Amino acid sequence: MDMRISHLRVDNFKSLVDFDLPLAKFNCLVGLNGSGKSTVLQFFYFLSQQVKGELDDWLKKRQWEASDINSKLTRKNNIYFEACLLHNEGFEIKWSASFNRTTLRCTAERIDWNNNLILKVEDGKYNIWALTKQERENKLSGTITFDYQGSLLSQIKESQLTRQTLEIKKFFEEINALDLLAPELLRQRTREATNSLGLGGERLSAFLYEIGAAKRDDIRQTITEIYPTIKQIDVERLRYGWKKIIIEEKFQNNLLKTEARHVADGFLRMLAILAQLSKEQSFLLLDEIENGINPELIEFVVDSLVQSPPQVLVTTHSPMILNYLEDDIAIAGVIYLYKTPNGSTQAVRLFDIPSMREKLTVMAPGEVYEDTLLTQLDQEINNLKQTN
């Protein structure tokens, strides 16, 4: 992708009230239970649904009502967001919108591309501009007389979008979340997949089938760094289009084939992560990446994510995850989430906190985090805010 998200501002989404989140290429959210880590992941996927126009389906899959996504901490009806993106050529792009949970639509939105307004929705009307003078004279505009959900980008035909608006739509379409990975879902036989495994990994078998033998072998070669006995990752096509995963291992002169329902949880979880990384995407979200994976293999998982092409955001409760990050990666990407006295979630780069940066000169990132009493850390953050 030619861009990445550099900053996110959110207001009135669950516990995210006046919430500011700085972002690097690799990001790791840490904090106490209930601080809002999962909520942040949910919001990123909410952003993706804006350009897909599938908000009602997204709510149903999570067994939520529309009222569940609004914050209980304010009386506001709309959810406001602003996503700032940094283009590879060095300029900034901003997409901001006001989302109405009753209509499930962005009733107002705008996109600024390098300080040029290229999309505006306001008062039931829309305008889309290109950047060249000739195209700006032939802008697409009109009154909104049609039904849709999410952003206007979900409704306008791609052939009518400008290059810039289409690029932004594609970026947010290609956000993938694996925040509900579950072994029982990863083991399922499935028929069809899309560009994603599904929130819980329920489409893994069909996903592996559709990416083809060459990419499956690339995944196998990567995973043999930690599982040298793996000789093949195959997917069998069954009757009526069902697919099942078969793992082939070699022990001395014996070849053993094992169906996914008998494979270890941790292996399946790593297989799911590597499978998703094999697809082109803009952003990948993972919740508590250490779950179900042997501590000896965590470094392999972290390195794979840090070195992968897409922007990545993970959550963790394990200091071990932070210890596998280089200091510069940790300084830019480890984000501490905490709750204010009124219950809203706030974010700060962990190593922007003076006491944490000082400890980092003599300790590894995870050791710094483990050596810190988080309740005292919250007090230091409050003191810093009052000083500033």
Protein backbone atom coordinates (compact mmCIF):
# COMPACT_ATOMS: atom_id res chain seq x y z
CA MET A 1 0.00 0.00 0.00
CA ASP A 2 1.12 3.57 -0.73
CA MET A 3 -0.13 4.88 2.62
CA ARG A 4 -0.49 4.06 6.30
CA ILE A 5 -2.58 5.46 9.13
CA SER A 6 -0.52 7.88 11.21
CA HIS A 7 -3.18 9.12 13.63
CA LEU A 8 -6.75 8.34 14.61
CA ARG A 9 -9.25 10.52 16.46
CA VAL A 10 -12.53 9.07 17.73
CA ASP A 11 -15.39 10.46 19.76
CA ASN A 12 -18.43 8.61 21.12
CA PHE A 13 -17.61 5.00 20.11
CA LYS A 14 -18.12 2.90 23.27
CA SER A 15 -15.38 4.01 25.72
CA LEU A 16 -13.54 6.03 23.04
CA VAL A 17 -14.46 9.60 23.96
CA ASP A 18 -12.14 12.40 22.75
CA PHE A 19 -9.73 9.59 21.94
CA ASP A 20 -6.42 10.21 20.13
CA LEU A 21 -4.25 7.33 18.90
CA PRO A 22 -0.82 7.84 17.28
CA LEU A 23 0.22 4.96 15.02
CA ALA A 24 3.46 3.55 13.61
CA LYS A 25 3.87 0.69 11.11
CA PHE A 26 3.88 -1.90 13.92
CA ASN A 27 1.74 -1.13 16.96
CA CYS A 28 1.20 -2.96 20.23
CA LEU A 29 -1.53 -1.95 22.69
CA VAL A 30 -0.90 -2.64 26.38
CA GLY A 31 -2.82 -1.78 29.53
CA LEU A 32 -4.94 -3.20 32.31
CA ASN A 33 -7.95 -5.41 31.66
CA GLY A 34 -10.88 -3.22 30.68
CA SER A 35 -8.69 -0.33 29.52
CA GLY A 36 -10.19 -0.45 26.00
CA LYS A 37 -7.76 -2.55 23.93
CA SER A 38 -10.47 -4.69 22.34
CA THR A 39 -12.62 -1.61 21.75
CA VAL A 40 -9.83 -0.03 19.69
CA LEU A 41 -9.61 -3.16 17.52
CA GLN A 42 -13.37 -3.13 17.10
CA PHE A 43 -13.27 0.48 15.95
CA PHE A 44 -10.74 -0.26 13.21
CA TYR A 45 -13.02 -2.94 11.83
CA PHE A 46 -15.94 -0.51 12.15
CA LEU A 47 -13.93 1.85 9.90
CA SER A 48 -13.53 -0.93 7.34
CA GLN A 49 -17.27 -1.54 7.29
CA GLN A 50 -17.85 2.12 6.42
CA VAL A 51 -16.49 1.63 2.89
CA LYS A 52 -18.13 -1.78 2.51
CA GLY A 53 -21.57 -0.55 3.54
CA GLU A 54 -22.34 -3.63 5.62
CA LEU A 55 -22.94 -2.14 9.05
CA ASP A 56 -26.06 -4.15 9.88
CA ASP A 57 -24.32 -7.45 9.04
CA TRP A 58 -21.29 -6.43 11.11
CA LEU A 59 -23.52 -5.70 14.11
CA LYS A 60 -25.36 -9.01 13.73
CA LYS A 61 -22.13 -11.03 13.59
CA ARG A 62 -21.07 -9.50 16.90
CA GLN A 63 -24.60 -9.85 18.33
CA TRP A 64 -24.75 -6.10 18.94
CA GLU A 65 -27.51 -3.56 18.62
CA ALA A 66 -26.78 -0.18 17.02
CA SER A 67 -27.14 1.43 20.44
CA ASP A 68 -24.26 -0.71 21.76
CA ILE A 69 -21.61 1.17 19.78
CA ASN A 70 -22.46 4.61 21.15
CA SER A 71 -20.68 5.69 24.31
CA LYS A 72 -22.65 5.59 27.54
CA LEU A 73 -20.44 8.43 28.79
CA THR A 74 -21.96 11.19 26.65
CA ARG A 75 -25.37 12.30 25.39
CA LYS A 76 -24.17 12.59 21.78
CA ASN A 77 -26.01 10.65 19.09
CA ASN A 78 -23.34 10.55 16.37
CA ILE A 79 -19.93 8.92 16.32
CA TYR A 80 -17.20 11.21 15.00
CA PHE A 81 -13.90 10.00 13.57
CA GLU A 82 -10.90 11.38 11.74
CA ALA A 83 -8.30 9.11 10.19
CA CYS A 84 -5.01 10.76 9.19
CA LEU A 85 -2.96 8.86 6.66
CA LEU A 86 0.62 9.42 5.56
CA HIS A 87 1.28 8.79 1.87
CA ASN A 88 4.58 7.26 0.78
CA GLU A 89 5.29 10.49 -1.11
CA GLY A 90 5.29 12.39 2.19
CA PHE A 91 1.96 14.22 2.21
CA GLU A 92 -1.07 13.75 4.47
CA ILE A 93 -4.59 12.54 3.75
CA LYS A 94 -7.51 13.09 6.12
CA TRP A 95 -10.85 11.31 6.14
CA SER A 96 -13.34 12.60 8.68
CA ALA A 97 -17.01 11.76 9.20
CA SER A 98 -19.99 11.91 11.51
CA PHE A 99 -21.78 8.55 11.71
CA ASN A 100 -25.43 8.34 12.71
CA ARG A 101 -26.20 5.07 14.48
CA THR A 102 -29.95 5.35 13.73
CA THR A 103 -29.51 5.43 9.95
CA LEU A 104 -26.14 3.56 10.07
CA ARG A 105 -24.82 6.21 7.70
CA CYS A 106 -22.18 8.94 7.66
CA THR A 107 -24.43 11.97 7.41
CA ALA A 108 -21.41 14.23 6.97
CA GLU A 109 -17.93 13.38 5.72
CA ARG A 110 -14.97 14.83 3.86
CA ILE A 111 -11.64 13.71 2.46
CA ASP A 112 -8.66 16.05 2.11
CA TRP A 113 -5.79 14.82 -0.09
CA ASN A 114 -2.62 16.82 0.43
CA ASN A 115 -4.76 19.81 1.55
CA ASN A 116 -7.08 19.47 -1.47
CA LEU A 117 -10.75 18.73 -0.76
CA ILE A 118 -11.70 15.70 -2.90
CA LEU A 119 -14.95 14.50 -1.26
CA LYS A 120 -17.65 16.23 0.73
CA VAL A 121 -21.01 15.04 2.05
CA GLU A 122 -23.19 17.61 3.77
CA ASP A 123 -26.90 18.46 4.10
CA GLY A 124 -27.99 15.54 1.93
CA LYS A 125 -25.69 16.47 -0.97
CA TYR A 126 -22.32 15.19 -2.15
CA ASN A 127 -19.39 16.36 -4.26
CA ILE A 128 -16.37 14.39 -5.48
CA TRP A 129 -13.42 16.19 -7.09
CA ALA A 130 -10.28 14.92 -8.80
CA LEU A 131 -6.95 16.73 -8.56
CA THR A 132 -6.41 17.74 -12.19
CA LYS A 133 -7.95 21.01 -13.32
CA GLN A 134 -9.95 19.43 -16.14
CA GLU A 135 -11.40 16.74 -13.90
CA ARG A 136 -12.21 19.24 -11.15
CA GLU A 137 -14.36 21.11 -13.65
CA ASN A 138 -16.25 17.87 -14.31
CA LYS A 139 -16.84 16.96 -10.68
CA LEU A 140 -19.35 14.32 -9.63
CA SER A 141 -22.10 15.82 -7.50
CA GLY A 142 -25.71 15.34 -6.61
CA THR A 143 -28.45 15.08 -4.02
CA ILE A 144 -28.54 11.90 -1.94
CA THR A 145 -31.84 10.23 -2.84
CA PHE A 146 -30.64 6.65 -2.40
CA ASP A 147 -30.29 4.38 0.63
CA TYR A 148 -26.91 3.14 1.80
CA GLN A 149 -24.96 2.37 4.97
CA GLY A 150 -21.62 3.71 6.13
CA SER A 151 -19.63 6.06 3.90
CA LEU A 152 -20.69 7.43 0.53
CA LEU A 153 -17.66 5.52 -0.78
CA SER A 154 -19.66 2.31 -0.27
CA GLN A 155 -22.38 3.49 -2.66
CA ILE A 156 -20.67 5.22 -5.62
CA LYS A 157 -19.59 2.87 -8.41
CA GLU A 158 -15.82 2.38 -8.53
CA SER A 159 -15.81 3.48 -12.17
CA GLN A 160 -17.16 6.87 -11.02
CA LEU A 161 -14.67 7.36 -8.19
CA THR A 162 -11.50 9.34 -8.78
CA ARG A 163 -8.13 7.65 -8.46
CA GLN A 164 -7.61 9.18 -5.03
CA THR A 165 -11.02 8.29 -3.55
CA LEU A 166 -10.74 4.76 -4.94
CA GLU A 167 -7.30 4.40 -3.37
CA ILE A 168 -8.69 5.42 0.01
CA LYS A 169 -11.64 3.04 -0.34
CA LYS A 170 -9.32 0.13 -1.18
CA PHE A 171 -7.10 0.92 1.81
CA PHE A 172 -9.95 0.70 4.30
CA GLU A 173 -11.53 -2.29 2.56
CA GLU A 174 -8.30 -4.18 3.12
CA ILE A 175 -8.27 -3.87 6.91
CA ASN A 176 -8.49 -7.40 8.30
CA ALA A 177 -9.20 -8.40 11.90
CA LEU A 178 -8.42 -11.70 13.59
CA ASP A 179 -9.57 -10.54 17.00
CA LEU A 180 -11.79 -13.53 17.79
CA LEU A 181 -9.52 -16.42 16.74
CA ALA A 182 -10.76 -19.68 18.23
CA PRO A 183 -9.30 -23.20 17.74
CA GLU A 184 -12.73 -24.80 17.29
CA LEU A 185 -13.41 -22.40 14.40
CA LEU A 186 -9.97 -22.82 12.82
CA ARG A 187 -10.60 -26.57 12.63
CA GLN A 188 -13.88 -26.26 10.75
CA ARG A 189 -14.44 -27.58 7.26
CA THR A 190 -15.68 -24.69 5.14
CA ARG A 191 -16.82 -24.05 1.58
CA GLU A 192 -15.90 -20.52 0.59
CA ALA A 193 -13.62 -17.71 1.75
CA THR A 194 -12.98 -14.13 0.72
CA ASN A 195 -9.87 -12.06 1.41
CA SER A 196 -10.21 -12.78 5.11
CA LEU A 197 -10.25 -15.82 7.37
CA GLY A 198 -13.18 -14.38 9.29
CA LEU A 199 -13.04 -12.80 12.73
CA GLY A 200 -12.63 -16.16 14.44
CA GLY A 201 -10.69 -17.90 11.65
CA GLU A 202 -13.77 -19.88 10.64
CA ARG A 203 -12.89 -19.78 6.93
CA LEU A 204 -9.29 -20.98 7.25
CA SER A 205 -9.66 -24.20 5.23
CA ALA A 206 -11.38 -22.50 2.28
CA PHE A 207 -8.94 -19.57 2.51
CA LEU A 208 -5.92 -21.89 2.25
CA TYR A 209 -7.56 -23.70 -0.66
CA GLU A 210 -8.21 -20.50 -2.58
CA ILE A 211 -4.71 -19.02 -2.24
CA GLY A 212 -3.32 -22.03 -4.13
CA ALA A 213 -0.53 -24.57 -3.71
CA ALA A 214 2.33 -22.13 -4.34
CA LYS A 215 1.35 -19.77 -1.51
CA ARG A 216 0.60 -22.72 0.79
CA ASP A 217 4.13 -23.95 0.16
CA ASP A 218 5.53 -20.49 0.94
CA ILE A 219 3.70 -20.65 4.28
CA ARG A 220 5.05 -24.16 4.86
CA GLN A 221 8.63 -23.03 4.22
CA THR A 222 8.19 -20.16 6.69
CA ILE A 223 6.67 -22.34 9.39
CA THR A 224 9.40 -25.00 9.07
CA GLU A 225 11.70 -22.56 10.87
CA ILE A 226 9.95 -23.66 14.05
CA TYR A 227 8.26 -26.89 12.88
CA PRO A 228 10.94 -28.63 10.75
CA THR A 229 8.90 -31.84 10.50
CA ILE A 230 6.17 -30.16 8.37
CA LYS A 231 6.47 -31.40 4.79
CA GLN A 232 3.18 -30.25 3.31
CA ILE A 233 0.14 -28.14 4.09
CA ASP A 234 -2.66 -29.39 1.90
CA VAL A 235 -6.38 -28.79 1.54
CA GLU A 236 -8.69 -31.53 0.30
CA ARG A 237 -11.84 -30.64 -1.60
CA LEU A 238 -14.73 -32.78 -0.43
CA ARG A 239 -18.25 -33.32 -1.75
CA TYR A 240 -20.48 -30.26 -2.15
CA GLY A 241 -17.46 -27.93 -2.06
CA TRP A 242 -16.39 -28.50 1.55
CA LYS A 243 -12.65 -28.23 2.27
CA LYS A 244 -10.49 -29.70 5.03
CA ILE A 245 -6.90 -29.00 6.03
CA ILE A 246 -4.36 -31.83 6.03
CA ILE A 247 -0.93 -31.40 7.67
CA GLU A 248 1.77 -33.82 6.54
CA GLU A 249 4.78 -34.40 8.83
CA LYS A 250 7.85 -36.59 8.42
CA PHE A 251 9.40 -38.39 11.39
CA GLN A 252 12.46 -40.39 10.32
CA ASN A 253 11.07 -42.48 7.43
CA ASN A 254 7.41 -42.16 8.36
CA LEU A 255 4.99 -39.69 6.78
CA LEU A 256 2.01 -38.84 8.96
CA LYS A 257 -1.08 -36.99 7.71
CA THR A 258 -3.25 -35.23 10.27
CA GLU A 259 -6.54 -33.43 9.70
CA ALA A 260 -6.90 -29.99 11.29
CA ARG A 261 -9.36 -31.21 13.93
CA HIS A 262 -6.47 -33.18 15.49
CA VAL A 263 -3.79 -30.46 15.16
CA ALA A 264 -2.53 -28.46 18.18
CA ASP A 265 -4.22 -25.12 18.92
CA GLY A 266 -0.99 -23.10 18.80
CA PHE A 267 0.01 -24.47 15.41
CA LEU A 268 -3.38 -23.63 13.94
CA ARG A 269 -3.20 -20.10 15.36
CA MET A 270 0.22 -19.50 13.77
CA LEU A 271 -0.99 -21.06 10.52
CA ALA A 272 -3.93 -18.63 10.51
CA ILE A 273 -1.67 -15.60 11.08
CA LEU A 274 0.78 -16.62 8.34
CA ALA A 275 -2.09 -17.41 5.98
CA GLN A 276 -3.59 -13.96 6.45
CA LEU A 277 -0.17 -12.36 5.96
CA SER A 278 0.10 -14.11 2.59
CA LYS A 279 -2.65 -11.87 1.18
CA GLU A 280 -2.21 -8.26 0.14
CA GLN A 281 -3.81 -6.03 2.75
CA SER A 282 -3.39 -2.60 4.28
CA PHE A 283 -3.81 -3.28 8.00
CA LEU A 284 -3.97 -6.40 10.19
CA LEU A 285 -5.46 -6.51 13.70
CA LEU A 286 -4.75 -9.26 16.23
CA ASP A 287 -6.00 -9.56 19.81
CA GLU A 288 -3.73 -11.05 22.52
CA ILE A 289 -1.30 -12.66 20.10
CA GLU A 290 0.35 -14.74 22.83
CA ASN A 291 -2.80 -16.82 23.45
CA GLY A 292 -2.33 -20.52 22.81
CA ILE A 293 1.25 -20.16 21.53
CA ASN A 294 4.23 -21.67 23.33
CA PRO A 295 6.52 -18.94 24.78
CA GLU A 296 9.45 -20.36 22.79
CA LEU A 297 7.60 -19.56 19.56
CA ILE A 298 6.47 -16.03 20.42
CA GLU A 299 9.62 -14.42 18.98
CA PHE A 300 8.91 -16.05 15.62
CA VAL A 301 5.36 -14.67 15.59
CA VAL A 302 6.46 -11.16 16.61
CA ASP A 303 9.24 -11.06 14.01
CA SER A 304 6.82 -12.22 11.30
CA LEU A 305 4.41 -9.41 12.14
CA VAL A 306 7.05 -6.67 12.46
CA GLN A 307 8.59 -7.60 9.11
CA SER A 308 5.29 -8.08 7.25
CA PRO A 309 4.21 -5.57 4.55
CA PRO A 310 0.90 -4.36 6.08
CA GLN A 311 0.52 -2.02 9.00
CA VAL A 312 -0.12 -4.14 12.11
CA LEU A 313 -1.84 -3.54 15.44
CA VAL A 314 -1.81 -6.19 18.17
CA THR A 315 -2.80 -6.31 21.81
CA THR A 316 -0.99 -8.19 24.55
CA HIS A 317 -0.83 -8.73 28.30
CA SER A 318 2.62 -10.33 28.04
CA PRO A 319 5.83 -8.35 28.71
CA MET A 320 7.58 -11.08 26.71
CA ILE A 321 6.04 -9.69 23.51
CA LEU A 322 7.63 -6.29 24.17
CA ASN A 323 11.02 -7.86 24.90
CA TYR A 324 11.19 -9.13 21.32
CA LEU A 325 10.86 -5.61 19.93
CA GLU A 326 13.86 -3.47 19.04
CA ASP A 327 13.96 -0.25 21.06
CA ASP A 328 13.10 1.97 18.09
CA ILE A 329 10.09 -0.21 17.22
CA ALA A 330 8.94 -0.16 20.85
CA ILE A 331 9.36 3.62 21.21
CA ALA A 332 7.29 4.31 18.09
CA GLY A 333 4.67 1.60 18.43
CA VAL A 334 3.95 0.50 22.01
CA ILE A 335 0.80 2.33 23.09
CA TYR A 336 -0.44 2.37 26.68
CA LEU A 337 -4.22 2.53 27.13
CA TYR A 338 -5.80 3.62 30.38
CA LYS A 339 -9.16 4.74 31.73
CA THR A 340 -9.74 8.25 33.03
CA PRO A 341 -11.79 8.80 36.22
CA ASN A 342 -14.91 9.35 34.07
CA GLY A 343 -14.45 5.97 32.33
CA SER A 344 -13.16 7.04 28.92
CA THR A 345 -10.21 5.33 27.24
CA GLN A 346 -7.10 7.38 26.50
CA ALA A 347 -3.83 6.49 24.76
CA VAL A 348 -0.21 7.53 25.10
CA ARG A 349 3.00 6.14 23.66
CA LEU A 350 4.40 4.14 26.56
CA PHE A 351 7.95 5.37 26.09
CA ASP A 352 6.93 9.00 25.76
CA ILE A 353 6.34 8.83 29.51
CA PRO A 354 9.59 10.16 31.08
CA SER A 355 10.01 7.43 33.72
CA MET A 356 9.49 4.71 31.10
CA ARG A 357 11.95 6.24 28.64
CA GLU A 358 14.55 6.52 31.39
CA LYS A 359 14.17 2.85 32.33
CA LEU A 360 14.51 1.88 28.67
CA THR A 361 18.14 3.01 28.74
CA VAL A 362 19.00 0.08 31.04
CA MET A 363 16.19 -2.44 30.49
CA ALA A 364 14.44 -4.21 27.60
CA PRO A 365 10.95 -2.88 26.70
CA GLY A 366 9.14 -5.78 28.36
CA GLU A 367 11.26 -5.51 31.50
CA VAL A 368 10.37 -1.82 31.75
CA TYR A 369 6.66 -2.62 31.53
CA GLU A 370 6.89 -5.47 34.05
CA ASP A 371 8.84 -3.26 36.47
CA THR A 372 6.11 -0.61 36.50
CA LEU A 373 3.09 -0.29 38.77
CA LEU A 374 0.39 0.78 36.34
CA THR A 375 -1.70 2.66 38.89
CA GLN A 376 1.30 4.91 39.56
CA LEU A 377 1.84 5.26 35.81
CA ASP A 378 -1.68 6.68 35.43
CA GLN A 379 -0.85 9.28 38.08
CA GLU A 380 2.33 10.29 36.24
CA ILE A 381 0.32 10.71 33.01
CA ASN A 382 -2.21 12.92 34.80
CA ASN A 383 0.59 15.03 36.27
CA LEU A 384 2.12 15.44 32.80
CA LYS A 385 -1.20 16.59 31.37
CA GLN A 386 -1.64 19.16 34.12
CA THR A 387 1.89 20.45 33.54
CA ASN A 388 1.30 20.78 29.79
